[in-house]
Amino acid sequence: MTSPVTPSPLTDRPATTGETGSNPPIGALRFSSPIAWFLVIFGVWSWVIWPTFMANISADPRSWAPTGGPTAFFMVHLVIAVVSFVLGTIIGGLGIRALLALRRAATIRGDA
């Protein structure tokens, strides 16, 4: 006995599992190869630029109080750099996943 098919809350067609048919699962994203490469390059850029930025900020005399502790200038820039670094890493990871998915799809189709 088969289980009943429930409609997707986003459309009035039945929800798909992605195992059969040509419809991707609801919520699945498909990136083109140029977009996937852009995301990867953005992630690599984040790994290059933000550590360099923090090295420059830590060398700036405004970053350190006379007592030797970090100033608000340093802390604000540290937060900006860490958030940007983490987001860049996530974006780069999405690009890598997209490239791997494109490669798998090409292998299944026989293009590779």
N, C-alpha and C. Protein backbone atom coordinates (compact mmCIF):
# COMPACT_ATOMS: atom_id res chain seq x y z
N MET A 1 0.84 -1.17 0.00
CA MET A 1 0.00 0.00 0.00
C MET A 1 0.89 1.24 0.00
N THR A 2 0.56 2.20 -0.79
CA THR A 2 1.36 3.41 -0.88
C THR A 2 0.85 4.45 0.10
N SER A 3 1.74 5.31 0.54
CA SER A 3 1.33 6.37 1.46
C SER A 3 0.66 7.49 0.67
N PRO A 4 -0.28 8.20 1.30
CA PRO A 4 -0.96 9.28 0.58
C PRO A 4 0.01 10.42 0.26
N VAL A 5 -0.21 11.05 -0.87
CA VAL A 5 0.62 12.18 -1.28
C VAL A 5 -0.05 13.46 -0.79
N THR A 6 0.69 14.24 -0.03
CA THR A 6 0.13 15.50 0.48
C THR A 6 0.63 16.65 -0.37
N PRO A 7 -0.22 17.64 -0.60
CA PRO A 7 0.23 18.78 -1.40
C PRO A 7 1.26 19.61 -0.64
N SER A 8 2.14 20.19 -1.40
CA SER A 8 3.15 21.07 -0.82
C SER A 8 2.48 22.35 -0.33
N PRO A 9 2.93 22.92 0.80
CA PRO A 9 2.33 24.17 1.25
C PRO A 9 2.68 25.35 0.34
N LEU A 10 3.69 25.20 -0.51
CA LEU A 10 4.10 26.30 -1.37
C LEU A 10 3.38 26.29 -2.71
N THR A 11 2.92 25.13 -3.13
CA THR A 11 2.19 25.02 -4.40
C THR A 11 1.02 24.09 -4.20
N ASP A 12 0.15 23.98 -5.20
CA ASP A 12 -0.94 23.03 -5.06
C ASP A 12 -0.63 21.70 -5.72
N ARG A 13 0.60 21.48 -6.14
CA ARG A 13 0.96 20.18 -6.68
C ARG A 13 1.54 19.31 -5.56
N PRO A 14 1.52 18.01 -5.72
CA PRO A 14 2.05 17.14 -4.66
C PRO A 14 3.54 17.40 -4.42
N ALA A 15 3.93 17.26 -3.18
CA ALA A 15 5.35 17.42 -2.84
C ALA A 15 6.14 16.29 -3.48
N THR A 16 7.35 16.59 -3.95
CA THR A 16 8.19 15.58 -4.57
C THR A 16 9.36 15.26 -3.67
N THR A 17 9.89 14.08 -3.83
CA THR A 17 11.03 13.67 -3.02
C THR A 17 12.33 13.86 -3.75
N GLY A 18 12.26 14.08 -5.07
CA GLY A 18 13.48 14.22 -5.84
C GLY A 18 14.03 12.90 -6.32
N GLU A 19 13.43 11.79 -5.88
CA GLU A 19 13.93 10.47 -6.28
C GLU A 19 13.43 10.07 -7.66
N THR A 20 12.23 10.53 -8.03
CA THR A 20 11.69 10.20 -9.34
C THR A 20 11.24 11.47 -10.02
N GLY A 21 11.14 11.43 -11.31
CA GLY A 21 10.67 12.59 -12.05
C GLY A 21 11.78 13.61 -12.23
N SER A 22 11.44 14.72 -12.88
CA SER A 22 12.44 15.74 -13.15
C SER A 22 12.37 16.93 -12.20
N ASN A 23 11.38 16.93 -11.30
CA ASN A 23 11.26 18.05 -10.38
C ASN A 23 12.23 17.90 -9.22
N PRO A 24 12.97 18.97 -8.90
CA PRO A 24 13.85 18.90 -7.72
C PRO A 24 13.00 18.98 -6.46
N PRO A 25 13.53 18.57 -5.33
CA PRO A 25 12.78 18.70 -4.08
C PRO A 25 12.43 20.16 -3.82
N ILE A 26 11.33 20.39 -3.13
CA ILE A 26 10.93 21.75 -2.79
C ILE A 26 12.06 22.39 -1.98
N GLY A 27 12.43 23.59 -2.34
CA GLY A 27 13.48 24.30 -1.62
C GLY A 27 14.88 24.04 -2.17
N ALA A 28 15.02 23.14 -3.13
CA ALA A 28 16.34 22.86 -3.69
C ALA A 28 16.76 24.01 -4.61
N LEU A 29 18.03 24.36 -4.56
CA LEU A 29 18.56 25.41 -5.42
C LEU A 29 19.43 24.78 -6.49
N ARG A 30 19.43 25.38 -7.64
CA ARG A 30 20.33 24.95 -8.72
C ARG A 30 21.13 26.16 -9.15
N PHE A 31 22.44 26.03 -9.07
CA PHE A 31 23.34 27.10 -9.48
C PHE A 31 23.97 26.73 -10.81
N SER A 32 24.18 27.72 -11.64
CA SER A 32 24.93 27.48 -12.87
C SER A 32 26.41 27.40 -12.51
N SER A 33 27.19 26.89 -13.44
CA SER A 33 28.62 26.76 -13.20
C SER A 33 29.29 28.12 -12.94
N PRO A 34 28.99 29.18 -13.72
CA PRO A 34 29.62 30.47 -13.43
C PRO A 34 29.26 31.01 -12.04
N ILE A 35 28.02 30.82 -11.63
CA ILE A 35 27.62 31.29 -10.29
C ILE A 35 28.35 30.49 -9.22
N ALA A 36 28.43 29.18 -9.40
CA ALA A 36 29.14 28.34 -8.43
C ALA A 36 30.60 28.76 -8.31
N TRP A 37 31.25 29.01 -9.45
CA TRP A 37 32.65 29.45 -9.41
C TRP A 37 32.79 30.81 -8.75
N PHE A 38 31.83 31.71 -9.00
CA PHE A 38 31.85 33.03 -8.34
C PHE A 38 31.79 32.86 -6.82
N LEU A 39 30.93 31.97 -6.34
CA LEU A 39 30.83 31.74 -4.90
C LEU A 39 32.12 31.18 -4.32
N VAL A 40 32.75 30.26 -5.04
CA VAL A 40 34.03 29.69 -4.58
C VAL A 40 35.10 30.78 -4.53
N ILE A 41 35.18 31.58 -5.58
CA ILE A 41 36.18 32.66 -5.62
C ILE A 41 35.92 33.66 -4.51
N PHE A 42 34.67 33.96 -4.23
CA PHE A 42 34.33 34.87 -3.13
C PHE A 42 34.82 34.29 -1.81
N GLY A 43 34.63 32.98 -1.61
CA GLY A 43 35.10 32.34 -0.38
C GLY A 43 36.61 32.39 -0.25
N VAL A 44 37.33 32.13 -1.34
CA VAL A 44 38.79 32.21 -1.32
C VAL A 44 39.24 33.63 -1.03
N TRP A 45 38.57 34.59 -1.65
CA TRP A 45 38.90 36.01 -1.42
C TRP A 45 38.74 36.35 0.06
N SER A 46 37.69 35.83 0.69
CA SER A 46 37.48 36.08 2.12
C SER A 46 38.62 35.51 2.95
N TRP A 47 39.13 34.35 2.57
CA TRP A 47 40.23 33.74 3.32
C TRP A 47 41.54 34.51 3.12
N VAL A 48 41.65 35.27 2.04
CA VAL A 48 42.86 36.06 1.80
C VAL A 48 42.73 37.45 2.43
N ILE A 49 41.61 38.10 2.19
CA ILE A 49 41.49 39.51 2.55
C ILE A 49 41.31 39.74 4.05
N TRP A 50 40.48 38.94 4.73
CA TRP A 50 40.17 39.26 6.13
C TRP A 50 41.32 38.99 7.09
N PRO A 51 42.09 37.92 6.95
CA PRO A 51 43.28 37.80 7.83
C PRO A 51 44.28 38.93 7.58
N THR A 52 44.45 39.32 6.31
CA THR A 52 45.35 40.44 5.99
C THR A 52 44.84 41.73 6.61
N PHE A 53 43.53 41.94 6.51
CA PHE A 53 42.91 43.12 7.10
C PHE A 53 43.16 43.17 8.61
N MET A 54 42.98 42.03 9.28
CA MET A 54 43.18 42.01 10.73
C MET A 54 44.65 42.20 11.11
N ALA A 55 45.55 41.70 10.29
CA ALA A 55 46.97 41.94 10.55
C ALA A 55 47.27 43.43 10.47
N ASN A 56 46.69 44.10 9.48
CA ASN A 56 46.90 45.54 9.34
C ASN A 56 46.24 46.32 10.48
N ILE A 57 45.05 45.90 10.89
CA ILE A 57 44.36 46.58 12.00
C ILE A 57 45.14 46.39 13.29
N SER A 58 45.65 45.20 13.54
CA SER A 58 46.39 44.97 14.79
C SER A 58 47.70 45.73 14.82
N ALA A 59 48.25 46.07 13.65
CA ALA A 59 49.48 46.85 13.61
C ALA A 59 49.22 48.36 13.76
N ASP A 60 47.97 48.76 13.64
CA ASP A 60 47.61 50.18 13.75
C ASP A 60 47.70 50.62 15.21
N PRO A 61 48.35 51.75 15.49
CA PRO A 61 48.47 52.20 16.88
C PRO A 61 47.13 52.52 17.54
N ARG A 62 46.08 52.79 16.74
CA ARG A 62 44.76 53.06 17.33
C ARG A 62 44.12 51.81 17.90
N SER A 63 44.68 50.64 17.61
CA SER A 63 44.08 49.39 18.05
C SER A 63 44.38 49.05 19.50
N TRP A 64 45.42 49.68 20.05
CA TRP A 64 45.86 49.29 21.39
C TRP A 64 45.90 50.49 22.32
N ALA A 65 45.33 50.31 23.49
CA ALA A 65 45.34 51.36 24.52
C ALA A 65 46.74 51.45 25.12
N PRO A 66 47.06 52.56 25.76
CA PRO A 66 48.38 52.68 26.40
C PRO A 66 48.65 51.58 27.43
N THR A 67 47.60 51.02 27.99
CA THR A 67 47.78 49.94 28.96
C THR A 67 48.05 48.60 28.28
N GLY A 68 47.90 48.56 26.95
CA GLY A 68 48.19 47.34 26.20
C GLY A 68 46.96 46.56 25.78
N GLY A 69 45.79 46.92 26.25
CA GLY A 69 44.56 46.21 25.89
C GLY A 69 43.99 46.71 24.57
N PRO A 70 43.09 45.95 23.99
CA PRO A 70 42.47 46.37 22.73
C PRO A 70 41.51 47.54 22.94
N THR A 71 41.44 48.41 21.95
CA THR A 71 40.52 49.55 22.00
C THR A 71 39.21 49.17 21.29
N ALA A 72 38.23 50.08 21.38
CA ALA A 72 36.96 49.87 20.68
C ALA A 72 37.20 49.79 19.17
N PHE A 73 38.15 50.58 18.67
CA PHE A 73 38.51 50.54 17.25
C PHE A 73 38.89 49.12 16.84
N PHE A 74 39.72 48.47 17.62
CA PHE A 74 40.15 47.11 17.32
C PHE A 74 38.97 46.13 17.41
N MET A 75 38.17 46.24 18.46
CA MET A 75 37.08 45.30 18.68
C MET A 75 36.02 45.38 17.59
N VAL A 76 35.69 46.60 17.17
CA VAL A 76 34.70 46.76 16.09
C VAL A 76 35.20 46.12 14.80
N HIS A 77 36.46 46.38 14.48
CA HIS A 77 37.01 45.80 13.26
C HIS A 77 37.18 44.28 13.38
N LEU A 78 37.45 43.80 14.56
CA LEU A 78 37.54 42.35 14.77
C LEU A 78 36.18 41.69 14.51
N VAL A 79 35.12 42.28 15.03
CA VAL A 79 33.78 41.73 14.82
C VAL A 79 33.44 41.74 13.33
N ILE A 80 33.71 42.85 12.66
CA ILE A 80 33.45 42.95 11.22
C ILE A 80 34.22 41.86 10.46
N ALA A 81 35.48 41.70 10.79
CA ALA A 81 36.32 40.72 10.09
C ALA A 81 35.85 39.29 10.36
N VAL A 82 35.52 38.97 11.60
CA VAL A 82 35.10 37.60 11.93
C VAL A 82 33.78 37.27 11.25
N VAL A 83 32.81 38.18 11.31
CA VAL A 83 31.52 37.93 10.65
C VAL A 83 31.71 37.77 9.13
N SER A 84 32.50 38.63 8.54
CA SER A 84 32.74 38.56 7.10
C SER A 84 33.48 37.29 6.73
N PHE A 85 34.43 36.89 7.54
CA PHE A 85 35.19 35.67 7.30
C PHE A 85 34.28 34.44 7.36
N VAL A 86 33.43 34.40 8.37
CA VAL A 86 32.51 33.27 8.52
C VAL A 86 31.52 33.22 7.36
N LEU A 87 30.93 34.38 7.01
CA LEU A 87 30.00 34.41 5.89
C LEU A 87 30.69 34.04 4.58
N GLY A 88 31.91 34.51 4.38
CA GLY A 88 32.66 34.15 3.18
C GLY A 88 32.95 32.67 3.11
N THR A 89 33.23 32.06 4.26
CA THR A 89 33.47 30.62 4.31
C THR A 89 32.21 29.85 3.95
N ILE A 90 31.08 30.29 4.48
CA ILE A 90 29.81 29.64 4.18
C ILE A 90 29.48 29.78 2.69
N ILE A 91 29.66 30.97 2.16
CA ILE A 91 29.38 31.21 0.73
C ILE A 91 30.30 30.37 -0.14
N GLY A 92 31.58 30.30 0.20
CA GLY A 92 32.51 29.45 -0.55
C GLY A 92 32.12 27.99 -0.47
N GLY A 93 31.66 27.55 0.70
CA GLY A 93 31.20 26.17 0.85
C GLY A 93 29.99 25.87 -0.01
N LEU A 94 29.08 26.84 -0.12
CA LEU A 94 27.93 26.67 -1.01
C LEU A 94 28.39 26.52 -2.46
N GLY A 95 29.39 27.31 -2.84
CA GLY A 95 29.92 27.20 -4.20
C GLY A 95 30.54 25.85 -4.46
N ILE A 96 31.27 25.32 -3.49
CA ILE A 96 31.88 23.99 -3.64
C ILE A 96 30.80 22.93 -3.75
N ARG A 97 29.77 23.03 -2.90
CA ARG A 97 28.67 22.06 -2.98
C ARG A 97 27.97 22.15 -4.34
N ALA A 98 27.80 23.37 -4.85
CA ALA A 98 27.15 23.53 -6.16
C ALA A 98 28.00 22.91 -7.26
N LEU A 99 29.31 23.12 -7.21
CA LEU A 99 30.18 22.51 -8.23
C LEU A 99 30.14 20.98 -8.15
N LEU A 100 30.13 20.44 -6.95
CA LEU A 100 30.05 18.98 -6.80
C LEU A 100 28.71 18.45 -7.32
N ALA A 101 27.63 19.18 -7.06
CA ALA A 101 26.31 18.77 -7.56
C ALA A 101 26.28 18.83 -9.08
N LEU A 102 26.88 19.86 -9.65
CA LEU A 102 26.94 19.96 -11.12
C LEU A 102 27.73 18.81 -11.71
N ARG A 103 28.83 18.43 -11.05
CA ARG A 103 29.65 17.31 -11.53
C ARG A 103 28.87 16.00 -11.44
N ARG A 104 28.16 15.80 -10.31
CA ARG A 104 27.34 14.58 -10.17
C ARG A 104 26.26 14.52 -11.24
N ALA A 105 25.60 15.65 -11.49
CA ALA A 105 24.54 15.69 -12.50
C ALA A 105 25.11 15.39 -13.89
N ALA A 106 26.28 15.91 -14.18
CA ALA A 106 26.91 15.66 -15.48
C ALA A 106 27.29 14.19 -15.62
N THR A 107 27.75 13.59 -14.52
CA THR A 107 28.12 12.16 -14.53
C THR A 107 26.88 11.29 -14.76
N ILE A 108 25.78 11.64 -14.11
CA ILE A 108 24.55 10.88 -14.27
C ILE A 108 24.04 10.98 -15.70
N ARG A 109 24.11 12.18 -16.27
CA ARG A 109 23.66 12.39 -17.65
C ARG A 109 24.62 11.78 -18.66
N GLY A 110 25.85 11.54 -18.25
CA GLY A 110 26.85 10.99 -19.16
C GLY A 110 27.66 12.07 -19.87
N ASP A 111 27.61 13.30 -19.39
CA ASP A 111 28.36 14.41 -20.00
C ASP A 111 29.83 14.38 -19.61
N ALA A 112 30.15 13.80 -18.48
CA ALA A 112 31.53 13.88 -17.97
C ALA A 112 32.40 12.80 -18.54
